[in-house]
Amino acid sequence: NKLLYFRFEMTTQSSAQVLSIAVHPEHQGKGIGQK
């Protein structure tokens, strides 16, 4: 799966990344993710 991810890395422009973002399900819908 990670090797397939490397393909994503190799086929897109060099840039920064949102590597991971998550909000606990109990707190979703409060705009926390957007902040």
ModelCIF file with pLDDT and N, C-alpha, C, O atoms, coordinates in Angstrom:
data_MODEL
#
_entry.id   MODEL 
#
_entity.id                         1 
_entity.type                       polymer 
_entity.pdbx_number_of_molecules   1 
#
_entity_poly.entity_id                      1 
_entity_poly.type                           'polypeptide(L)' 
_entity_poly.nstd_linkage                   no 
_entity_poly.nstd_monomer                   no 
_entity_poly.pdbx_seq_one_letter_code       NKLLYFRFEMTTQSSAQVLSIAVHPEHQGKGIGQK 
_entity_poly.pdbx_seq_one_letter_code_can   NKLLYFRFEMTTQSSAQVLSIAVHPEHQGKGIGQK 
_entity_poly.pdbx_strand_id                 A 
#
loop_
_entity_poly_seq.entity_id 
_entity_poly_seq.num 
_entity_poly_seq.mon_id 
_entity_poly_seq.hetero 
1 1  ASN n 
1 2  LYS n 
1 3  LEU n 
1 4  LEU n 
1 5  TYR n 
1 6  PHE n 
1 7  ARG n 
1 8  PHE n 
1 9  GLU n 
1 10 MET n 
1 11 THR n 
1 12 THR n 
1 13 GLN n 
1 14 SER n 
1 15 SER n 
1 16 ALA n 
1 17 GLN n 
1 18 VAL n 
1 19 LEU n 
1 20 SER n 
1 21 ILE n 
1 22 ALA n 
1 23 VAL n 
1 24 HIS n 
1 25 PRO n 
1 26 GLU n 
1 27 HIS n 
1 28 GLN n 
1 29 GLY n 
1 30 LYS n 
1 31 GLY n 
1 32 ILE n 
1 33 GLY n 
1 34 GLN n 
1 35 LYS n 
#
_struct_asym.id          A 
_struct_asym.entity_id   1 
#
loop_
_ma_qa_metric.id 
_ma_qa_metric.mode 
_ma_qa_metric.name 
_ma_qa_metric.software_group_id 
_ma_qa_metric.type 
1 global pLDDT . pLDDT 
2 local  pLDDT . pLDDT 
#
_ma_qa_metric_global.metric_id      1 
_ma_qa_metric_global.metric_value   81.46 
_ma_qa_metric_global.model_id       1 
_ma_qa_metric_global.ordinal_id     1 
#
loop_
_ma_qa_metric_local.label_asym_id 
_ma_qa_metric_local.label_comp_id 
_ma_qa_metric_local.label_seq_id 
_ma_qa_metric_local.metric_id 
_ma_qa_metric_local.metric_value 
_ma_qa_metric_local.model_id 
_ma_qa_metric_local.ordinal_id 
A ASN 1  2 70.00 1 1  
A LYS 2  2 68.00 1 2  
A LEU 3  2 65.00 1 3  
A LEU 4  2 60.00 1 4  
A TYR 5  2 62.00 1 5  
A PHE 6  2 61.00 1 6  
A ARG 7  2 60.00 1 7  
A PHE 8  2 58.00 1 8  
A GLU 9  2 62.00 1 9  
A MET 10 2 57.00 1 10 
A THR 11 2 58.00 1 11 
A THR 12 2 59.00 1 12 
A GLN 13 2 62.00 1 13 
A SER 14 2 68.00 1 14 
A SER 15 2 84.00 1 15 
A ALA 16 2 94.00 1 16 
A GLN 17 2 94.00 1 17 
A VAL 18 2 97.00 1 18 
A LEU 19 2 94.00 1 19 
A SER 20 2 96.00 1 20 
A ILE 21 2 97.00 1 21 
A ALA 22 2 97.00 1 22 
A VAL 23 2 96.00 1 23 
A HIS 24 2 96.00 1 24 
A PRO 25 2 93.00 1 25 
A GLU 26 2 93.00 1 26 
A HIS 27 2 94.00 1 27 
A GLN 28 2 92.00 1 28 
A GLY 29 2 91.00 1 29 
A LYS 30 2 93.00 1 30 
A GLY 31 2 95.00 1 31 
A ILE 32 2 96.00 1 32 
A GLY 33 2 96.00 1 33 
A GLN 34 2 96.00 1 34 
A LYS 35 2 97.00 1 35 
#
loop_
_atom_site.group_PDB 
_atom_site.id 
_atom_site.type_symbol 
_atom_site.label_atom_id 
_atom_site.label_alt_id 
_atom_site.label_comp_id 
_atom_site.label_asym_id 
_atom_site.label_entity_id 
_atom_site.label_seq_id 
_atom_site.pdbx_PDB_ins_code 
_atom_site.Cartn_x 
_atom_site.Cartn_y 
_atom_site.Cartn_z 
_atom_site.occupancy 
_atom_site.B_iso_or_equiv 
_atom_site.pdbx_formal_charge 
_atom_site.auth_seq_id 
_atom_site.auth_comp_id 
_atom_site.auth_asym_id 
_atom_site.auth_atom_id 
_atom_site.pdbx_PDB_model_num 
ATOM 1   N N  . ASN A 1 1  ? 0.828   -1.198 0.000   1.00 70.00 ? 1  ASN A N  1 
ATOM 2   C CA . ASN A 1 1  ? 0.000   0.000  0.000   1.00 70.00 ? 1  ASN A CA 1 
ATOM 3   C C  . ASN A 1 1  ? 0.868   1.257  0.000   1.00 70.00 ? 1  ASN A C  1 
ATOM 4   O O  . ASN A 1 1  ? 0.557   2.233  -0.683  1.00 70.00 ? 1  ASN A O  1 
ATOM 5   N N  . LYS A 1 2  ? 1.962   1.229  0.771   1.00 68.00 ? 2  LYS A N  1 
ATOM 6   C CA . LYS A 1 2  ? 2.861   2.375  0.822   1.00 68.00 ? 2  LYS A CA 1 
ATOM 7   C C  . LYS A 1 2  ? 3.587   2.575  -0.500  1.00 68.00 ? 2  LYS A C  1 
ATOM 8   O O  . LYS A 1 2  ? 3.862   3.710  -0.888  1.00 68.00 ? 2  LYS A O  1 
ATOM 9   N N  . LEU A 1 3  ? 3.899   1.494  -1.191  1.00 65.00 ? 3  LEU A N  1 
ATOM 10  C CA . LEU A 1 3  ? 4.532   1.622  -2.505  1.00 65.00 ? 3  LEU A CA 1 
ATOM 11  C C  . LEU A 1 3  ? 3.584   2.296  -3.487  1.00 65.00 ? 3  LEU A C  1 
ATOM 12  O O  . LEU A 1 3  ? 4.016   3.068  -4.343  1.00 65.00 ? 3  LEU A O  1 
ATOM 13  N N  . LEU A 1 4  ? 2.293   2.006  -3.364  1.00 60.00 ? 4  LEU A N  1 
ATOM 14  C CA . LEU A 1 4  ? 1.303   2.695  -4.193  1.00 60.00 ? 4  LEU A CA 1 
ATOM 15  C C  . LEU A 1 4  ? 1.246   4.169  -3.824  1.00 60.00 ? 4  LEU A C  1 
ATOM 16  O O  . LEU A 1 4  ? 1.015   5.022  -4.681  1.00 60.00 ? 4  LEU A O  1 
ATOM 17  N N  . TYR A 1 5  ? 1.459   4.468  -2.542  1.00 62.00 ? 5  TYR A N  1 
ATOM 18  C CA . TYR A 1 5  ? 1.491   5.863  -2.098  1.00 62.00 ? 5  TYR A CA 1 
ATOM 19  C C  . TYR A 1 5  ? 2.687   6.588  -2.713  1.00 62.00 ? 5  TYR A C  1 
ATOM 20  O O  . TYR A 1 5  ? 2.584   7.755  -3.088  1.00 62.00 ? 5  TYR A O  1 
ATOM 21  N N  . PHE A 1 6  ? 3.811   5.901  -2.813  1.00 61.00 ? 6  PHE A N  1 
ATOM 22  C CA . PHE A 1 6  ? 4.989   6.515  -3.429  1.00 61.00 ? 6  PHE A CA 1 
ATOM 23  C C  . PHE A 1 6  ? 4.689   6.943  -4.859  1.00 61.00 ? 6  PHE A C  1 
ATOM 24  O O  . PHE A 1 6  ? 5.224   7.944  -5.335  1.00 61.00 ? 6  PHE A O  1 
ATOM 25  N N  . ARG A 1 7  ? 3.838   6.191  -5.542  1.00 60.00 ? 7  ARG A N  1 
ATOM 26  C CA . ARG A 1 7  ? 3.453   6.567  -6.892  1.00 60.00 ? 7  ARG A CA 1 
ATOM 27  C C  . ARG A 1 7  ? 2.764   7.924  -6.879  1.00 60.00 ? 7  ARG A C  1 
ATOM 28  O O  . ARG A 1 7  ? 2.976   8.745  -7.771  1.00 60.00 ? 7  ARG A O  1 
ATOM 29  N N  . PHE A 1 8  ? 1.936   8.157  -5.861  1.00 58.00 ? 8  PHE A N  1 
ATOM 30  C CA . PHE A 1 8  ? 1.297   9.465  -5.677  1.00 58.00 ? 8  PHE A CA 1 
ATOM 31  C C  . PHE A 1 8  ? 2.357   10.544 -5.504  1.00 58.00 ? 8  PHE A C  1 
ATOM 32  O O  . PHE A 1 8  ? 2.235   11.636 -6.059  1.00 58.00 ? 8  PHE A O  1 
ATOM 33  N N  . GLU A 1 9  ? 3.391   10.237 -4.737  1.00 62.00 ? 9  GLU A N  1 
ATOM 34  C CA . GLU A 1 9  ? 4.465   11.200 -4.505  1.00 62.00 ? 9  GLU A CA 1 
ATOM 35  C C  . GLU A 1 9  ? 5.217   11.521 -5.787  1.00 62.00 ? 9  GLU A C  1 
ATOM 36  O O  . GLU A 1 9  ? 5.578   12.671 -6.037  1.00 62.00 ? 9  GLU A O  1 
ATOM 37  N N  . MET A 1 10 ? 5.450   10.497 -6.594  1.00 57.00 ? 10 MET A N  1 
ATOM 38  C CA . MET A 1 10 ? 6.279   10.658 -7.781  1.00 57.00 ? 10 MET A CA 1 
ATOM 39  C C  . MET A 1 10 ? 5.541   11.326 -8.939  1.00 57.00 ? 10 MET A C  1 
ATOM 40  O O  . MET A 1 10 ? 6.170   11.863 -9.850  1.00 57.00 ? 10 MET A O  1 
ATOM 41  N N  . THR A 1 11 ? 4.197   11.292 -8.904  1.00 58.00 ? 11 THR A N  1 
ATOM 42  C CA . THR A 1 11 ? 3.431   11.785 -10.047 1.00 58.00 ? 11 THR A CA 1 
ATOM 43  C C  . THR A 1 11 ? 2.777   13.130 -9.797  1.00 58.00 ? 11 THR A C  1 
ATOM 44  O O  . THR A 1 11 ? 2.013   13.605 -10.637 1.00 58.00 ? 11 THR A O  1 
ATOM 45  N N  . THR A 1 12 ? 3.058   13.762 -8.655  1.00 59.00 ? 12 THR A N  1 
ATOM 46  C CA . THR A 1 12 ? 2.509   15.088 -8.377  1.00 59.00 ? 12 THR A CA 1 
ATOM 47  C C  . THR A 1 12 ? 3.647   16.064 -8.120  1.00 59.00 ? 12 THR A C  1 
ATOM 48  O O  . THR A 1 12 ? 4.774   15.666 -7.828  1.00 59.00 ? 12 THR A O  1 
ATOM 49  N N  . GLN A 1 13 ? 3.331   17.346 -8.235  1.00 62.00 ? 13 GLN A N  1 
ATOM 50  C CA . GLN A 1 13 ? 4.334   18.387 -8.050  1.00 62.00 ? 13 GLN A CA 1 
ATOM 51  C C  . GLN A 1 13 ? 4.873   18.394 -6.616  1.00 62.00 ? 13 GLN A C  1 
ATOM 52  O O  . GLN A 1 13 ? 4.172   18.021 -5.675  1.00 62.00 ? 13 GLN A O  1 
ATOM 53  N N  . SER A 1 14 ? 6.111   18.817 -6.471  1.00 68.00 ? 14 SER A N  1 
ATOM 54  C CA . SER A 1 14 ? 6.701   18.956 -5.148  1.00 68.00 ? 14 SER A CA 1 
ATOM 55  C C  . SER A 1 14 ? 5.963   20.036 -4.367  1.00 68.00 ? 14 SER A C  1 
ATOM 56  O O  . SER A 1 14 ? 5.732   21.135 -4.870  1.00 68.00 ? 14 SER A O  1 
ATOM 57  N N  . SER A 1 15 ? 5.600   19.709 -3.141  1.00 84.00 ? 15 SER A N  1 
ATOM 58  C CA . SER A 1 15 ? 4.833   20.660 -2.335  1.00 84.00 ? 15 SER A CA 1 
ATOM 59  C C  . SER A 1 15 ? 4.801   20.182 -0.902  1.00 84.00 ? 15 SER A C  1 
ATOM 60  O O  . SER A 1 15 ? 5.270   19.089 -0.583  1.00 84.00 ? 15 SER A O  1 
ATOM 61  N N  . ALA A 1 16 ? 4.240   21.015 -0.045  1.00 94.00 ? 16 ALA A N  1 
ATOM 62  C CA . ALA A 1 16 ? 3.940   20.589 1.320   1.00 94.00 ? 16 ALA A CA 1 
ATOM 63  C C  . ALA A 1 16 ? 2.692   19.704 1.271   1.00 94.00 ? 16 ALA A C  1 
ATOM 64  O O  . ALA A 1 16 ? 2.016   19.624 0.245   1.00 94.00 ? 16 ALA A O  1 
ATOM 65  N N  . GLN A 1 17 ? 2.393   19.038 2.402   1.00 94.00 ? 17 GLN A N  1 
ATOM 66  C CA . GLN A 1 17 ? 1.251   18.137 2.421   1.00 94.00 ? 17 GLN A CA 1 
ATOM 67  C C  . GLN A 1 17 ? 0.472   18.235 3.729   1.00 94.00 ? 17 GLN A C  1 
ATOM 68  O O  . GLN A 1 17 ? 1.031   18.484 4.797   1.00 94.00 ? 17 GLN A O  1 
ATOM 69  N N  . VAL A 1 18 ? -0.842  18.029 3.605   1.00 97.00 ? 18 VAL A N  1 
ATOM 70  C CA . VAL A 1 18 ? -1.643  17.727 4.787   1.00 97.00 ? 18 VAL A CA 1 
ATOM 71  C C  . VAL A 1 18 ? -1.454  16.228 4.991   1.00 97.00 ? 18 VAL A C  1 
ATOM 72  O O  . VAL A 1 18 ? -2.117  15.418 4.344   1.00 97.00 ? 18 VAL A O  1 
ATOM 73  N N  . LEU A 1 19 ? -0.551  15.868 5.890   1.00 94.00 ? 19 LEU A N  1 
ATOM 74  C CA . LEU A 1 19 ? -0.177  14.466 6.023   1.00 94.00 ? 19 LEU A CA 1 
ATOM 75  C C  . LEU A 1 19 ? -1.265  13.657 6.719   1.00 94.00 ? 19 LEU A C  1 
ATOM 76  O O  . LEU A 1 19 ? -1.541  12.520 6.338   1.00 94.00 ? 19 LEU A O  1 
ATOM 77  N N  . SER A 1 20 ? -1.879  14.248 7.737   1.00 96.00 ? 20 SER A N  1 
ATOM 78  C CA . SER A 1 20 ? -2.971  13.572 8.436   1.00 96.00 ? 20 SER A CA 1 
ATOM 79  C C  . SER A 1 20 ? -3.784  14.611 9.193   1.00 96.00 ? 20 SER A C  1 
ATOM 80  O O  . SER A 1 20 ? -3.230  15.526 9.803   1.00 96.00 ? 20 SER A O  1 
ATOM 81  N N  . ILE A 1 21 ? -5.093  14.461 9.147   1.00 97.00 ? 21 ILE A N  1 
ATOM 82  C CA . ILE A 1 21 ? -5.991  15.337 9.901   1.00 97.00 ? 21 ILE A CA 1 
ATOM 83  C C  . ILE A 1 21 ? -7.186  14.509 10.344  1.00 97.00 ? 21 ILE A C  1 
ATOM 84  O O  . ILE A 1 21 ? -7.725  13.728 9.560   1.00 97.00 ? 21 ILE A O  1 
ATOM 85  N N  . ALA A 1 22 ? -7.602  14.670 11.583  1.00 97.00 ? 22 ALA A N  1 
ATOM 86  C CA . ALA A 1 22 ? -8.744  13.917 12.090  1.00 97.00 ? 22 ALA A CA 1 
ATOM 87  C C  . ALA A 1 22 ? -9.332  14.614 13.303  1.00 97.00 ? 22 ALA A C  1 
ATOM 88  O O  . ALA A 1 22 ? -8.634  15.286 14.063  1.00 97.00 ? 22 ALA A O  1 
ATOM 89  N N  . VAL A 1 23 ? -10.621 14.438 13.462  1.00 96.00 ? 23 VAL A N  1 
ATOM 90  C CA . VAL A 1 23 ? -11.344 14.921 14.637  1.00 96.00 ? 23 VAL A CA 1 
ATOM 91  C C  . VAL A 1 23 ? -12.078 13.731 15.230  1.00 96.00 ? 23 VAL A C  1 
ATOM 92  O O  . VAL A 1 23 ? -12.668 12.934 14.500  1.00 96.00 ? 23 VAL A O  1 
ATOM 93  N N  . HIS A 1 24 ? -12.045 13.609 16.537  1.00 96.00 ? 24 HIS A N  1 
ATOM 94  C CA . HIS A 1 24 ? -12.738 12.496 17.187  1.00 96.00 ? 24 HIS A CA 1 
ATOM 95  C C  . HIS A 1 24 ? -14.214 12.531 16.813  1.00 96.00 ? 24 HIS A C  1 
ATOM 96  O O  . HIS A 1 24 ? -14.822 13.601 16.828  1.00 96.00 ? 24 HIS A O  1 
ATOM 97  N N  . PRO A 1 25 ? -14.803 11.384 16.475  1.00 93.00 ? 25 PRO A N  1 
ATOM 98  C CA . PRO A 1 25 ? -16.215 11.355 16.067  1.00 93.00 ? 25 PRO A CA 1 
ATOM 99  C C  . PRO A 1 25 ? -17.166 12.077 17.015  1.00 93.00 ? 25 PRO A C  1 
ATOM 100 O O  . PRO A 1 25 ? -18.160 12.647 16.565  1.00 93.00 ? 25 PRO A O  1 
ATOM 101 N N  . GLU A 1 26 ? -16.885 12.067 18.310  1.00 93.00 ? 26 GLU A N  1 
ATOM 102 C CA . GLU A 1 26 ? -17.757 12.732 19.281  1.00 93.00 ? 26 GLU A CA 1 
ATOM 103 C C  . GLU A 1 26 ? -17.705 14.249 19.168  1.00 93.00 ? 26 GLU A C  1 
ATOM 104 O O  . GLU A 1 26 ? -18.573 14.946 19.694  1.00 93.00 ? 26 GLU A O  1 
ATOM 105 N N  . HIS A 1 27 ? -16.682 14.762 18.479  1.00 94.00 ? 27 HIS A N  1 
ATOM 106 C CA . HIS A 1 27 ? -16.508 16.217 18.367  1.00 94.00 ? 27 HIS A CA 1 
ATOM 107 C C  . HIS A 1 27 ? -16.664 16.719 16.938  1.00 94.00 ? 27 HIS A C  1 
ATOM 108 O O  . HIS A 1 27 ? -16.425 17.895 16.662  1.00 94.00 ? 27 HIS A O  1 
ATOM 109 N N  . GLN A 1 28 ? -17.059 15.843 16.040  1.00 92.00 ? 28 GLN A N  1 
ATOM 110 C CA . GLN A 1 28 ? -17.242 16.263 14.659  1.00 92.00 ? 28 GLN A CA 1 
ATOM 111 C C  . GLN A 1 28 ? -18.494 17.128 14.523  1.00 92.00 ? 28 GLN A C  1 
ATOM 112 O O  . GLN A 1 28 ? -19.424 17.019 15.322  1.00 92.00 ? 28 GLN A O  1 
ATOM 113 N N  . GLY A 1 29 ? -18.506 17.981 13.509  1.00 91.00 ? 29 GLY A N  1 
ATOM 114 C CA . GLY A 1 29 ? -19.636 18.862 13.278  1.00 91.00 ? 29 GLY A CA 1 
ATOM 115 C C  . GLY A 1 29 ? -19.566 20.173 14.030  1.00 91.00 ? 29 GLY A C  1 
ATOM 116 O O  . GLY A 1 29 ? -20.521 20.950 14.023  1.00 91.00 ? 29 GLY A O  1 
ATOM 117 N N  . LYS A 1 30 ? -18.427 20.428 14.688  1.00 93.00 ? 30 LYS A N  1 
ATOM 118 C CA . LYS A 1 30 ? -18.250 21.661 15.459  1.00 93.00 ? 30 LYS A CA 1 
ATOM 119 C C  . LYS A 1 30 ? -17.341 22.668 14.761  1.00 93.00 ? 30 LYS A C  1 
ATOM 120 O O  . LYS A 1 30 ? -17.079 23.747 15.294  1.00 93.00 ? 30 LYS A O  1 
ATOM 121 N N  . GLY A 1 31 ? -16.860 22.316 13.571  1.00 95.00 ? 31 GLY A N  1 
ATOM 122 C CA . GLY A 1 31 ? -15.948 23.200 12.858  1.00 95.00 ? 31 GLY A CA 1 
ATOM 123 C C  . GLY A 1 31 ? -14.501 23.065 13.283  1.00 95.00 ? 31 GLY A C  1 
ATOM 124 O O  . GLY A 1 31 ? -13.657 23.868 12.886  1.00 95.00 ? 31 GLY A O  1 
ATOM 125 N N  . ILE A 1 32 ? -14.205 22.042 14.097  1.00 96.00 ? 32 ILE A N  1 
ATOM 126 C CA . ILE A 1 32 ? -12.839 21.859 14.605  1.00 96.00 ? 32 ILE A CA 1 
ATOM 127 C C  . ILE A 1 32 ? -11.880 21.510 13.464  1.00 96.00 ? 32 ILE A C  1 
ATOM 128 O O  . ILE A 1 32 ? -10.754 22.004 13.414  1.00 96.00 ? 32 ILE A O  1 
ATOM 129 N N  . GLY A 1 33 ? -12.338 20.658 12.557  1.00 96.00 ? 33 GLY A N  1 
ATOM 130 C CA . GLY A 1 33 ? -11.488 20.282 11.427  1.00 96.00 ? 33 GLY A CA 1 
ATOM 131 C C  . GLY A 1 33 ? -11.104 21.473 10.571  1.00 96.00 ? 33 GLY A C  1 
ATOM 132 O O  . GLY A 1 33 ? -9.966  21.572 10.113  1.00 96.00 ? 33 GLY A O  1 
ATOM 133 N N  . GLN A 1 34 ? -12.051 22.379 10.353  1.00 96.00 ? 34 GLN A N  1 
ATOM 134 C CA . GLN A 1 34 ? -11.759 23.565 9.550   1.00 96.00 ? 34 GLN A CA 1 
ATOM 135 C C  . GLN A 1 34 ? -10.750 24.470 10.251  1.00 96.00 ? 34 GLN A C  1 
ATOM 136 O O  . GLN A 1 34 ? -9.877  25.046 9.603   1.00 96.00 ? 34 GLN A O  1 
ATOM 137 N N  . LYS A 1 35 ? -10.866 24.594 11.560  1.00 97.00 ? 35 LYS A N  1 
ATOM 138 C CA . LYS A 1 35 ? -9.923  25.423 12.300  1.00 97.00 ? 35 LYS A CA 1 
ATOM 139 C C  . LYS A 1 35 ? -8.521  24.820 12.282  1.00 97.00 ? 35 LYS A C  1 
ATOM 140 O O  . LYS A 1 35 ? -7.596  25.391 12.860  1.00 97.00 ? 35 LYS A O  1 
#
